[in-house]
C-alpha cells in the first residue's frame, strides 16, 4: 500500500425508520446493529439477546416466525430491548428486523435454510456470505462481543444420550464455560442427558440456578425431570439473579451463568410420557444414521409429531416465559449498574447536570513547576544556571480539557483525581463545568511535576510525583459512567492504571464511542493495547510523538530502521505511521519543528469522523478509499535561537490535540481541523501557560 505524501500550507502561512440498521465494522467482518439496539445503547436501556436457531431449526413455519415476533414483544413489554442475533449474507446482525426474521423462518424447511451456527461456524458462514441461525453458543459469543450480558432461549444444548459412545457434547457448554453471558432457559433440552450435562457444567465452573421456589431442576417440556433431579442452586427471582451476574462480573470470573426457569405448569408435560417419546425418536435416529448438528433438529421435530403437537405448544410457552424472566433480569441488572456499579453502596453515581455533553477527557492533572534556563547552553555538571521558576497546571488530560473549554467546547467533562489541597482546588475551579467530574481526595496530594526547559522551550529533564494517578481507578470511572456514556468521544491519556483503561474501553465499546489516545510518555505508550482486547474496536485516534510512534511500532512488530530516533528520516516516520494506520484508523504524529504528520484513509477535504444527526455512526468512518494517505502540516510558528522571549512546548501538543478535537466535533474537514489545532499550538508555544486564556480568541 502506497502512502501519498503532501505538504500543505494552511491558510497560505509559511510554516515549519424503526427497523433501519447501522453498520459497526469489526476488522473485515461486519456487525450490523438494528436501529432499536443502537437506540438502546445510546439511551441507557437494557438489552436481551435472542437466538435465531429456534427460527431456522427449532420450529416449523409459521410457528417459528410468530413465536420469534411474540418473544421480542414480550421483552419490550417488560422494559428491555430485544436483539435477535443471526447471520444474513455473511453479515452478523445484532437485532434482526421483522422482514429478516420472516425470511429466515420461511426458508426453515426449504433448500435455502440457514446453516446451524455454533461458535466454530461463525467464521466460515461469514466468509461464505451465507445465512446462519445462531445456537446458544453462537449467540452467546456474539452477544458478549456486542456488550449484551443477558440472553433468552428455550433450552441449552448439552451432553447427548449415549455420549460415552458418540462423544456428542454440545459446544454450548464449552462456550458458556468461557463467556460471561447469563443464559435464561427452561433447563437443558429434554432430549439430552440432563444429569451428565449438569456434571459437565460443574466441571466447567458454570453456575447453574433454578429461578423460583422449586428445589428440583426443570426438564424443558416438563417442570421436573423423571427422577426429580435437585437443582445445584436457586434464586428467588430477577433481582437475586441480577445480583449474581453482577457479583460474577466484579470478581472477574469469565464464565457464563445459567438460570433455569421451569415451564409454566399449565403447559408442562408429564416427564415420563415425554421421555418415552424421546426414546422412540432416539431409536429411529440410530436407524437413520443421523448424527452431528442434525441430531437436535430431528429429535425436536419427531417429538412434536409423536406428541401430536403438544411439545410444540410447550416449546412456545416456555420460550415466551423465559423471555419475560430474561427481560426482568436485564432490567434489574441495569438498575444495579446505574445505581452503584457493582460496589457495596459506597460509590455514588454522579449524574449530569442536564447540560449537553460532547467530550469525556480521562487522565492526569498536575501542578507544574517549570524551570526555564536562560543560559544558551545547559550543562548537567553541577554548575548554577540563570533561570526563572514558574508555576502552572498541567497533565495531558487536564491540558486537553482546559484547552477544549477555552476553545468553547462547553460540553467537556474531565475525569481525574486530585488532592484536597490548593492545587486541587484551583484545577477544579479553573475548569468550570468540566471540573464537575474531578474527584477531590482527602489525605492525598495533587500530582506534581518539575521540568527543566531550555531557552528554546525543549524539556531536558522532568521529575514527577504522581502517586495519585493510581486513584484514577475503575471505581472512579463507574462513578461517572452515566456522564461518560452521554458524550460523543472519549479522550484518554496514558496516566490512568491499566484496569481503568479496561473499564473505559468497555464503556466505549458498549456505547459505540470512539476513543482518542494520547500516549503521554514513552513508558506508557502500550498500556491501552494491554488493557482490553476490545481496544481495536474503539480506538480511532492516536497522537504520539516520534519516540512514542516507534514504541508503538515495536509493539506491533512493524519493521523500521535501527537508527536512534533522532536520526530517523521523515520518510521512515511516514512508512511506520502508514503501517500503524492499519491498526488505528487515524494517526497524528507530532514531529517537533517538522510539524504534524496526519496518516489515515481519505483525503484532506474529508472529515475525520462522521457524527450523524441522529447520533448513529460507524466505528470506522465509512471512507470509500482504500489507500492510506500521509500529509505533513508544518507548524505556524518556529522558535528562533536568537529570540529572547520565553517559550515553552509543555502544553503545545495538548493544545494542538484540543484544537483538532474541537474541529472534529464541529464536523470540519481535515485541513480545517488541523488549522485550528496548529493555531492553538502556536498560541501555547508563545506562553508559559500550558493552556493560555487567549485560546478563547479561536472560538470562532
Foldseek 3Di string as FASTA:
>chain_A
DDFAEAEDEFPPFDFLPQQDWFWADDQPAIEIEGPQLLCCLLVVFAEAEEFFCCQQQVDAPPLSLVLVVLLQVLLVVLGHGYFYWWAAQLHTYGRHDSVVSVVQNNCSPPPLHADADAPVCSVVCNVNRHIYGYALRRRLVVCQLLLHAEYEDAAHFAAAVVCVPVVDGDCSLVSLLFAAHEYEYQYHALLGDRVVRVVVSVVSVAAEAEEADDQFRGHRLAQHAPVRHGTPYYDDALLVVLLVSLVCVVVVRGGYYYYHYHQPPVLHDNNVVLVVQSVVQVVVCVVVVDDDPVNVSSSSVSSCVVVVNSSVVSSSRRSSVSSNRRSSNSRSNSCCLQAQNSDPNPFGADDDPPDAAAEEQEWAKEWEKEWEFQDLDDDPPPDDTDTDIDIAMDTLSLLLLLLLVLLPNVNYAYAFEAEPDPRVVCSLVSSPPNSPLYHYDYPDHGKYKYFYAYQQQDTDDMDIDHVRLAVSALSSCSSHLNSNSSHQAYEYEQRHQLRNLLNVLSSCSNSVHAYEYEDRDLVRLCSNVPRHVCCLSHHAHYEEEQSSLVSVLVVVVNDADPDPSVPGDPVRSVVSVQVVCSRHAWYWYQYAQSAIKIKHPDDQQAASADQDPVRRGYSHHPDPDPDIYIYGHGASDGGDSPDSAGFHQRQLVSQLVSQLVSCNVVVGGNSNSNVRSRVQSVVCGRDPHSRDSCSSVNND
